[in-house]
Amino acid sequence: MEALLLRFGHGGKMDVFKSQLKSRTRGKDGTLPELAQAIQRLERQAYPEAPLSVREVLEKDYFVDEIVDTEVRWKIL
């Protein structure tokens, strides 16, 4: 049962999603909405049982970390 849960459940994949979330970057031609959507998707997969308030804070933090323009960063914060 444990092997099946690791293979088909979210337990083993959560670490993969967390590493993808941390390494997610905005491409040259990537837009801010695309970046936000990708971060939201990965965050929901990495932290499926986290409360919504915690997930929103994580999403914002990961999003702000990827923005290079300091003016835009301060406006978001």
N, C-alpha and C. Protein backbone atom coordinates (compact mmCIF):
# COMPACT_ATOMS: atom_id res chain seq x y z
N MET A 1 0.83 -1.18 0.00
CA MET A 1 0.00 0.00 0.00
C MET A 1 0.88 1.25 0.00
N GLU A 2 1.94 1.22 0.79
CA GLU A 2 2.83 2.39 0.88
C GLU A 2 3.53 2.65 -0.45
N ALA A 3 3.94 1.59 -1.13
CA ALA A 3 4.59 1.75 -2.42
C ALA A 3 3.64 2.35 -3.45
N LEU A 4 2.37 1.94 -3.41
CA LEU A 4 1.39 2.50 -4.32
C LEU A 4 1.13 3.98 -4.03
N LEU A 5 1.09 4.32 -2.76
CA LEU A 5 0.89 5.73 -2.39
C LEU A 5 2.06 6.59 -2.84
N LEU A 6 3.27 6.07 -2.71
CA LEU A 6 4.43 6.82 -3.18
C LEU A 6 4.42 6.99 -4.69
N ARG A 7 3.98 5.95 -5.38
CA ARG A 7 3.99 5.98 -6.85
C ARG A 7 2.87 6.84 -7.41
N PHE A 8 1.67 6.71 -6.87
CA PHE A 8 0.52 7.36 -7.46
C PHE A 8 -0.06 8.49 -6.60
N GLY A 9 0.36 8.60 -5.36
CA GLY A 9 -0.13 9.65 -4.49
C GLY A 9 0.70 10.91 -4.65
N HIS A 10 0.35 11.92 -3.88
CA HIS A 10 1.07 13.18 -3.95
C HIS A 10 2.28 13.22 -3.01
N GLY A 11 2.42 12.25 -2.13
CA GLY A 11 3.49 12.26 -1.14
C GLY A 11 4.88 12.39 -1.72
N GLY A 12 5.22 11.56 -2.67
CA GLY A 12 6.54 11.62 -3.27
C GLY A 12 6.71 12.76 -4.25
N LYS A 13 5.63 13.19 -4.84
CA LYS A 13 5.68 14.25 -5.84
C LYS A 13 5.76 15.63 -5.22
N MET A 14 5.35 15.78 -3.99
CA MET A 14 5.35 17.10 -3.36
C MET A 14 6.75 17.68 -3.31
N ASP A 15 7.75 16.86 -3.04
CA ASP A 15 9.13 17.35 -3.02
C ASP A 15 9.58 17.80 -4.40
N VAL A 16 9.13 17.09 -5.43
CA VAL A 16 9.46 17.48 -6.80
C VAL A 16 8.83 18.83 -7.12
N PHE A 17 7.57 19.00 -6.74
CA PHE A 17 6.88 20.26 -7.00
C PHE A 17 7.51 21.41 -6.22
N LYS A 18 7.96 21.14 -5.01
CA LYS A 18 8.63 22.18 -4.22
C LYS A 18 9.92 22.62 -4.87
N SER A 19 10.70 21.68 -5.39
CA SER A 19 11.95 22.05 -6.05
C SER A 19 11.68 22.77 -7.36
N GLN A 20 10.64 22.38 -8.08
CA GLN A 20 10.28 23.09 -9.30
C GLN A 20 9.83 24.52 -8.98
N LEU A 21 9.12 24.67 -7.88
CA LEU A 21 8.65 25.99 -7.46
C LEU A 21 9.82 26.90 -7.11
N LYS A 22 10.80 26.36 -6.41
CA LYS A 22 11.96 27.15 -6.02
C LYS A 22 12.84 27.51 -7.21
N SER A 23 12.87 26.64 -8.20
CA SER A 23 13.74 26.89 -9.35
C SER A 23 13.00 27.54 -10.51
N ARG A 24 11.73 27.84 -10.36
CA ARG A 24 10.93 28.45 -11.43
C ARG A 24 11.45 29.85 -11.71
N THR A 25 11.71 30.13 -12.97
CA THR A 25 12.17 31.45 -13.36
C THR A 25 11.29 31.99 -14.48
N ARG A 26 11.31 33.27 -14.61
CA ARG A 26 10.57 33.92 -15.68
C ARG A 26 11.46 33.94 -16.91
N GLY A 27 11.00 33.36 -17.97
CA GLY A 27 11.78 33.33 -19.19
C GLY A 27 11.90 34.70 -19.83
N LYS A 28 12.75 34.79 -20.83
CA LYS A 28 12.93 36.06 -21.54
C LYS A 28 11.62 36.62 -22.06
N ASP A 29 10.84 35.76 -22.69
CA ASP A 29 9.58 36.19 -23.29
C ASP A 29 8.39 35.94 -22.38
N GLY A 30 8.63 35.49 -21.17
CA GLY A 30 7.55 35.20 -20.24
C GLY A 30 6.91 36.46 -19.69
N THR A 31 5.61 36.43 -19.55
CA THR A 31 4.90 37.57 -19.00
C THR A 31 4.65 37.36 -17.51
N LEU A 32 4.33 38.44 -16.82
CA LEU A 32 4.04 38.33 -15.39
C LEU A 32 2.80 37.47 -15.12
N PRO A 33 1.71 37.59 -15.91
CA PRO A 33 0.57 36.70 -15.67
C PRO A 33 0.91 35.22 -15.85
N GLU A 34 1.75 34.90 -16.85
CA GLU A 34 2.16 33.51 -17.05
C GLU A 34 2.97 33.01 -15.86
N LEU A 35 3.86 33.86 -15.36
CA LEU A 35 4.67 33.51 -14.20
C LEU A 35 3.77 33.27 -12.99
N ALA A 36 2.82 34.17 -12.77
CA ALA A 36 1.91 34.04 -11.62
C ALA A 36 1.09 32.76 -11.71
N GLN A 37 0.61 32.44 -12.89
CA GLN A 37 -0.18 31.23 -13.07
C GLN A 37 0.65 29.97 -12.82
N ALA A 38 1.87 29.96 -13.31
CA ALA A 38 2.75 28.80 -13.10
C ALA A 38 3.08 28.63 -11.62
N ILE A 39 3.33 29.73 -10.94
CA ILE A 39 3.64 29.67 -9.51
C ILE A 39 2.43 29.18 -8.73
N GLN A 40 1.24 29.66 -9.06
CA GLN A 40 0.03 29.19 -8.37
C GLN A 40 -0.18 27.70 -8.56
N ARG A 41 0.01 27.22 -9.79
CA ARG A 41 -0.18 25.79 -10.06
C ARG A 41 0.80 24.94 -9.27
N LEU A 42 2.09 25.32 -9.32
CA LEU A 42 3.11 24.55 -8.61
C LEU A 42 2.91 24.63 -7.11
N GLU A 43 2.49 25.77 -6.62
CA GLU A 43 2.29 25.95 -5.18
C GLU A 43 1.14 25.07 -4.69
N ARG A 44 0.05 25.00 -5.45
CA ARG A 44 -1.07 24.13 -5.06
C ARG A 44 -0.66 22.67 -5.02
N GLN A 45 0.23 22.28 -5.95
CA GLN A 45 0.69 20.90 -5.99
C GLN A 45 1.72 20.61 -4.90
N ALA A 46 2.53 21.59 -4.55
CA ALA A 46 3.58 21.39 -3.55
C ALA A 46 3.02 21.42 -2.13
N TYR A 47 1.99 22.22 -1.90
CA TYR A 47 1.41 22.37 -0.56
C TYR A 47 -0.11 22.17 -0.62
N PRO A 48 -0.57 20.97 -0.94
CA PRO A 48 -2.02 20.76 -1.13
C PRO A 48 -2.86 20.90 0.14
N GLU A 49 -2.26 20.67 1.28
CA GLU A 49 -3.04 20.70 2.52
C GLU A 49 -2.84 21.98 3.32
N ALA A 50 -2.07 22.91 2.80
CA ALA A 50 -1.82 24.17 3.51
C ALA A 50 -3.08 25.04 3.44
N PRO A 51 -3.34 25.80 4.51
CA PRO A 51 -4.48 26.71 4.47
C PRO A 51 -4.31 27.77 3.38
N LEU A 52 -5.42 28.28 2.90
CA LEU A 52 -5.40 29.26 1.81
C LEU A 52 -4.57 30.49 2.16
N SER A 53 -4.66 30.95 3.39
CA SER A 53 -3.90 32.15 3.78
C SER A 53 -2.40 31.91 3.69
N VAL A 54 -1.95 30.74 4.04
CA VAL A 54 -0.53 30.40 3.96
C VAL A 54 -0.11 30.28 2.50
N ARG A 55 -0.94 29.64 1.69
CA ARG A 55 -0.62 29.48 0.27
C ARG A 55 -0.53 30.82 -0.44
N GLU A 56 -1.41 31.75 -0.08
CA GLU A 56 -1.37 33.07 -0.71
C GLU A 56 -0.07 33.80 -0.39
N VAL A 57 0.39 33.68 0.84
CA VAL A 57 1.66 34.31 1.24
C VAL A 57 2.82 33.67 0.49
N LEU A 58 2.82 32.35 0.37
CA LEU A 58 3.88 31.66 -0.36
C LEU A 58 3.89 32.07 -1.83
N GLU A 59 2.69 32.14 -2.43
CA GLU A 59 2.60 32.54 -3.83
C GLU A 59 3.18 33.93 -4.04
N LYS A 60 2.83 34.85 -3.18
CA LYS A 60 3.33 36.21 -3.30
C LYS A 60 4.84 36.26 -3.14
N ASP A 61 5.36 35.53 -2.17
CA ASP A 61 6.81 35.53 -1.93
C ASP A 61 7.58 34.96 -3.13
N TYR A 62 7.12 33.83 -3.66
CA TYR A 62 7.78 33.24 -4.82
C TYR A 62 7.68 34.16 -6.03
N PHE A 63 6.54 34.80 -6.21
CA PHE A 63 6.34 35.70 -7.33
C PHE A 63 7.26 36.91 -7.25
N VAL A 64 7.32 37.52 -6.09
CA VAL A 64 8.16 38.71 -5.90
C VAL A 64 9.63 38.37 -6.07
N ASP A 65 10.04 37.21 -5.64
CA ASP A 65 11.44 36.80 -5.77
C ASP A 65 11.88 36.73 -7.24
N GLU A 66 10.96 36.49 -8.15
CA GLU A 66 11.30 36.35 -9.56
C GLU A 66 11.29 37.67 -10.33
N ILE A 67 10.85 38.74 -9.72
CA ILE A 67 10.77 40.03 -10.41
C ILE A 67 12.08 40.77 -10.23
N VAL A 68 12.66 41.18 -11.34
CA VAL A 68 13.96 41.85 -11.32
C VAL A 68 13.81 43.35 -11.07
N ASP A 69 12.80 43.96 -11.64
CA ASP A 69 12.58 45.40 -11.52
C ASP A 69 12.20 45.76 -10.08
N THR A 70 13.05 46.55 -9.42
CA THR A 70 12.83 46.87 -8.00
C THR A 70 11.58 47.72 -7.78
N GLU A 71 11.23 48.58 -8.71
CA GLU A 71 10.02 49.39 -8.55
C GLU A 71 8.78 48.52 -8.52
N VAL A 72 8.73 47.57 -9.42
CA VAL A 72 7.59 46.66 -9.48
C VAL A 72 7.54 45.81 -8.21
N ARG A 73 8.70 45.37 -7.74
CA ARG A 73 8.76 44.57 -6.51
C ARG A 73 8.16 45.34 -5.33
N TRP A 74 8.57 46.61 -5.18
CA TRP A 74 8.06 47.40 -4.07
C TRP A 74 6.57 47.65 -4.17
N LYS A 75 6.07 47.84 -5.37
CA LYS A 75 4.64 48.05 -5.56
C LYS A 75 3.85 46.81 -5.17
N ILE A 76 4.37 45.65 -5.48
CA ILE A 76 3.69 44.41 -5.13
C ILE A 76 3.73 44.20 -3.62
N LEU A 77 4.88 44.47 -3.03
CA LEU A 77 5.00 44.29 -1.57
C LEU A 77 4.15 45.29 -0.83
